[in-house]
């Protein structure tokens, strides 16, 4: 039996102020699945994630998490329901230490809880007392990624997690996502790195000019079709 979706959205339309960026987008993920949202720069991928997590208001559409309509919930309330968002921009609190960034939402937790992540990204352990704003761009991405994973959420919205990250660490990211898939976590993943997406995605949603131009299960969507829309 096909598992019920943990997260589903339909007819998503919205943007910034009077500007409509995405129109009529829909998708769903069940536990352990990854919906890969792909497309060229500026086609609305990040806007979609902001709409899904409540950072931007919907003009139209429906969003359900575990069967509940969450359109009226603020981002913090969605987070408390088990939805974590790692954005592409403003990914860390620059004035806080790496340690404080990691435990911002969970004061009092032990660093030992993060040992599996420190083993893969030892640079973060080395820089626990350092201000996050002094890290390199790739290191800030790793910090955002680990902070999201530390939330132990049922649904993770990841926006360009591999951007600026060294290849070795990208492989570690892939391994961690696969492990969480096995544990039943669902993902909506925005990525420009097609190889990264192909390693974990179970279904695709490809955008152009704010609309879906290609969607389907992994086995039903060819690489050639995706590349044709990415312009690479």
Protein backbone atom coordinates (compact mmCIF):
# COMPACT_ATOMS: atom_id res chain seq x y z
CA UNK A 1 0.00 0.00 0.00
CA UNK A 2 1.29 3.46 -0.91
CA UNK A 3 1.91 5.51 2.26
CA UNK A 4 -0.23 8.59 2.80
CA UNK A 5 1.48 11.94 2.19
CA UNK A 6 2.93 13.64 5.24
CA UNK A 7 2.84 16.93 3.34
CA UNK A 8 0.84 18.06 0.32
CA UNK A 9 0.15 21.33 -1.42
CA UNK A 10 -1.97 22.36 -4.38
CA UNK A 11 -2.65 25.50 -6.40
CA UNK A 12 0.14 27.43 -4.62
CA UNK A 13 0.15 30.99 -5.90
CA UNK A 14 2.01 33.94 -4.40
CA UNK A 15 5.07 36.16 -4.34
CA UNK A 16 6.18 39.51 -3.00
CA UNK A 17 3.76 42.40 -2.45
CA UNK A 18 1.93 42.91 -5.77
CA UNK A 19 4.30 40.63 -7.70
CA UNK A 20 3.08 37.07 -8.31
CA UNK A 21 6.10 34.76 -8.68
CA UNK A 22 4.65 31.24 -8.61
CA UNK A 23 1.30 30.08 -9.95
CA UNK A 24 -0.70 26.93 -9.39
CA UNK A 25 2.06 24.71 -8.02
CA UNK A 26 1.32 21.38 -6.39
CA UNK A 27 3.12 18.39 -4.96
CA UNK A 28 3.21 15.84 -2.15
CA UNK A 29 5.70 13.78 -0.16
CA UNK A 30 5.18 10.68 1.97
CA UNK A 31 7.51 9.62 4.78
CA UNK A 32 10.95 8.82 3.36
CA UNK A 33 10.33 10.62 0.07
CA UNK A 34 12.16 13.59 -1.46
CA UNK A 35 10.40 16.01 -3.78
CA UNK A 36 13.11 17.68 -5.87
CA UNK A 37 12.21 21.20 -7.02
CA UNK A 38 14.45 22.14 -9.93
CA UNK A 39 14.72 24.99 -12.41
CA UNK A 40 16.92 27.80 -13.63
CA UNK A 41 17.77 30.77 -11.40
CA UNK A 42 14.87 33.11 -10.76
CA UNK A 43 11.99 30.78 -11.66
CA UNK A 44 10.40 30.77 -8.19
CA UNK A 45 11.96 27.81 -6.36
CA UNK A 46 12.94 29.71 -3.21
CA UNK A 47 9.66 31.61 -3.27
CA UNK A 48 7.79 28.30 -3.24
CA UNK A 49 9.60 27.15 -0.08
CA UNK A 50 8.94 30.48 1.64
CA UNK A 51 5.25 30.15 0.83
CA UNK A 52 5.19 26.58 2.11
CA UNK A 53 6.75 27.56 5.44
CA UNK A 54 4.65 30.69 5.87
CA UNK A 55 7.30 33.37 5.38
CA UNK A 56 5.28 34.73 2.48
CA UNK A 57 1.47 34.96 2.36
CA UNK A 58 -0.46 32.79 -0.06
CA UNK A 59 -2.65 34.39 -2.67
CA UNK A 60 -4.25 31.05 -3.38
CA UNK A 61 -3.73 27.37 -2.75
CA UNK A 62 -3.83 24.71 -0.05
CA UNK A 63 -1.15 23.29 2.26
CA UNK A 64 -1.65 20.27 4.50
CA UNK A 65 0.73 18.66 6.98
CA UNK A 66 -0.38 15.29 8.34
CA UNK A 67 -3.85 16.06 7.06
CA UNK A 68 -4.16 19.44 8.80
CA UNK A 69 -4.67 22.67 6.87
CA UNK A 70 -1.71 24.82 8.01
CA UNK A 71 -2.27 27.93 5.90
CA UNK A 72 -3.19 30.00 8.96
CA UNK A 73 -0.14 28.89 10.98
CA UNK A 74 2.85 31.21 11.43
CA UNK A 75 6.32 29.87 10.57
CA UNK A 76 7.12 29.24 14.25
CA UNK A 77 3.94 27.20 14.62
CA UNK A 78 4.81 25.17 11.53
CA UNK A 79 8.23 24.51 13.02
CA UNK A 80 6.63 23.28 16.23
CA UNK A 81 4.56 20.86 14.14
CA UNK A 82 7.79 19.31 12.86
CA UNK A 83 8.49 21.29 9.68
CA UNK A 84 12.05 22.59 9.42
CA UNK A 85 13.20 25.16 6.86
CA UNK A 86 16.85 25.74 5.87
CA UNK A 87 16.72 28.83 3.60
CA UNK A 88 19.11 29.81 0.84
CA UNK A 89 19.72 33.29 2.27
CA UNK A 90 20.20 34.54 5.84
CA UNK A 91 21.00 30.98 6.77
CA UNK A 92 22.67 31.63 10.15
CA UNK A 93 22.64 34.24 12.91
CA UNK A 94 25.94 35.98 12.23
CA UNK A 95 26.41 37.52 15.69
CA UNK A 96 25.87 34.22 17.52
CA UNK A 97 28.48 31.51 17.94
CA UNK A 98 28.33 28.27 16.00
CA UNK A 99 27.28 26.54 19.23
CA UNK A 100 24.45 29.01 19.87
CA UNK A 101 23.24 28.70 16.29
CA UNK A 102 23.02 24.94 16.67
CA UNK A 103 21.05 25.07 19.91
CA UNK A 104 19.03 28.23 19.39
CA UNK A 105 15.77 26.31 19.37
CA UNK A 106 16.90 23.71 21.90
CA UNK A 107 18.77 25.32 24.83
CA UNK A 108 20.23 22.84 27.27
CA UNK A 109 20.86 20.04 24.82
CA UNK A 110 24.21 18.29 24.86
CA UNK A 111 26.79 18.61 22.12
CA UNK A 112 27.14 14.86 22.20
CA UNK A 113 23.77 14.67 20.48
CA UNK A 114 25.44 16.20 17.42
CA UNK A 115 28.40 13.83 17.31
CA UNK A 116 27.18 12.02 14.15
CA UNK A 117 27.26 15.37 12.33
CA UNK A 118 30.59 16.47 13.78
CA UNK A 119 32.13 13.24 12.54
CA UNK A 120 31.15 14.19 9.00
CA UNK A 121 31.77 17.93 9.36
CA UNK A 122 34.62 18.25 11.92
CA UNK A 123 35.18 21.91 11.03
CA UNK A 124 31.97 22.81 12.86
CA UNK A 125 33.20 21.20 16.06
CA UNK A 126 36.51 23.05 15.71
CA UNK A 127 34.66 26.37 15.45
CA UNK A 128 31.95 26.00 18.08
CA UNK A 129 33.00 29.19 19.88
CA UNK A 130 33.48 31.23 16.70
CA UNK A 131 30.94 33.79 15.49
CA UNK A 132 28.92 32.24 12.68
CA UNK A 133 29.31 35.38 10.57
CA UNK A 134 33.05 34.79 10.32
CA UNK A 135 32.64 31.37 8.68
CA UNK A 136 33.09 30.88 4.95
CA UNK A 137 29.99 30.65 2.78
CA UNK A 138 30.30 26.88 2.53
CA UNK A 139 30.77 26.52 6.28
CA UNK A 140 27.65 28.59 6.94
CA UNK A 141 25.76 26.24 4.64
CA UNK A 142 26.98 23.26 6.65
CA UNK A 143 25.94 24.96 9.88
CA UNK A 144 22.45 25.63 8.51
CA UNK A 145 22.20 22.04 7.27
CA UNK A 146 23.22 20.52 10.61
CA UNK A 147 20.96 22.89 12.55
CA UNK A 148 18.02 21.75 10.42
CA UNK A 149 18.88 18.09 10.97
CA UNK A 150 19.20 18.68 14.73
CA UNK A 151 15.53 19.66 14.77
CA UNK A 152 14.61 16.00 14.20
CA UNK A 153 11.63 17.10 12.09
CA UNK A 154 9.19 14.95 10.14
CA UNK A 155 9.48 17.29 7.14
CA UNK A 156 12.51 19.27 5.98
CA UNK A 157 12.43 22.11 3.44
CA UNK A 158 15.98 22.55 2.12
CA UNK A 159 16.86 25.44 -0.21
CA UNK A 160 20.10 24.94 -2.16
CA UNK A 161 21.93 23.10 0.66
CA UNK A 162 24.96 22.23 -1.50
CA UNK A 163 25.59 25.77 -2.79
CA UNK A 164 29.24 26.69 -2.16
CA UNK A 165 29.93 23.42 -0.33
CA UNK A 166 32.99 21.30 -1.10
CA UNK A 167 32.33 18.07 -2.98
CA UNK A 168 33.40 15.84 -0.08
CA UNK A 169 30.90 17.56 2.20
CA UNK A 170 28.18 17.34 -0.44
CA UNK A 171 28.65 13.57 -0.36
CA UNK A 172 28.21 13.66 3.41
CA UNK A 173 25.00 15.68 2.97
CA UNK A 174 23.66 13.07 0.57
CA UNK A 175 24.47 10.27 3.03
CA UNK A 176 22.69 12.08 5.86
CA UNK A 177 19.59 12.74 3.76
CA UNK A 178 19.46 9.07 2.75
CA UNK A 179 19.74 8.01 6.39
CA UNK A 180 16.86 10.28 7.34
CA UNK A 181 14.80 8.99 4.41
CA UNK A 182 15.25 5.48 5.80
CA UNK A 183 14.08 6.78 9.18
CA UNK A 184 10.92 8.20 7.57
CA UNK A 185 11.69 11.92 7.21
CA UNK A 186 10.14 13.63 4.17
CA UNK A 187 11.93 16.36 2.21
CA UNK A 188 11.18 19.14 -0.24
CA UNK A 189 14.57 19.89 -1.77
CA UNK A 190 15.46 22.85 -3.98
CA UNK A 191 18.76 22.21 -5.78
CA UNK A 192 20.80 23.53 -8.70
CA UNK A 193 23.22 20.60 -8.45
CA UNK A 194 21.49 17.98 -10.60
CA UNK A 195 23.80 15.18 -9.47
CA UNK A 196 22.92 15.95 -5.84
CA UNK A 197 19.21 15.85 -6.62
CA UNK A 198 19.49 12.63 -8.62
CA UNK A 199 21.15 10.91 -5.65
CA UNK A 200 18.16 11.36 -3.33
CA UNK A 201 15.02 12.50 -5.19
CA UNK A 202 11.98 10.22 -5.45
CA UNK A 203 9.91 12.61 -7.58
CA UNK A 204 10.53 15.83 -9.49
CA UNK A 205 8.85 19.20 -9.85
CA UNK A 206 10.58 21.34 -12.49
CA UNK A 207 9.68 25.03 -12.71
CA UNK A 208 9.93 27.71 -15.35
CA UNK A 209 8.58 31.23 -14.98
CA UNK A 210 6.80 30.26 -11.79
CA UNK A 211 4.88 27.35 -13.27
CA UNK A 212 5.38 23.59 -13.32
CA UNK A 213 6.72 22.45 -16.69
CA UNK A 214 7.66 18.90 -15.71
CA UNK A 215 6.55 16.70 -12.82
CA UNK A 216 6.55 13.02 -12.03
CA UNK A 217 8.08 10.06 -10.28
CA UNK A 218 11.84 9.64 -10.54
CA UNK A 219 11.62 6.70 -12.95
CA UNK A 220 9.19 8.53 -15.23
CA UNK A 221 11.25 11.71 -15.69
CA UNK A 222 14.37 11.46 -17.84
CA UNK A 223 17.58 13.36 -17.21
CA UNK A 224 17.40 14.72 -20.75
CA UNK A 225 13.97 16.23 -20.09
CA UNK A 226 15.20 17.89 -16.91
CA UNK A 227 18.34 19.26 -18.57
CA UNK A 228 16.26 20.71 -21.39
CA UNK A 229 14.42 22.88 -18.88
CA UNK A 230 17.49 23.74 -16.82
CA UNK A 231 19.36 25.12 -19.84
CA UNK A 232 22.64 23.45 -18.84
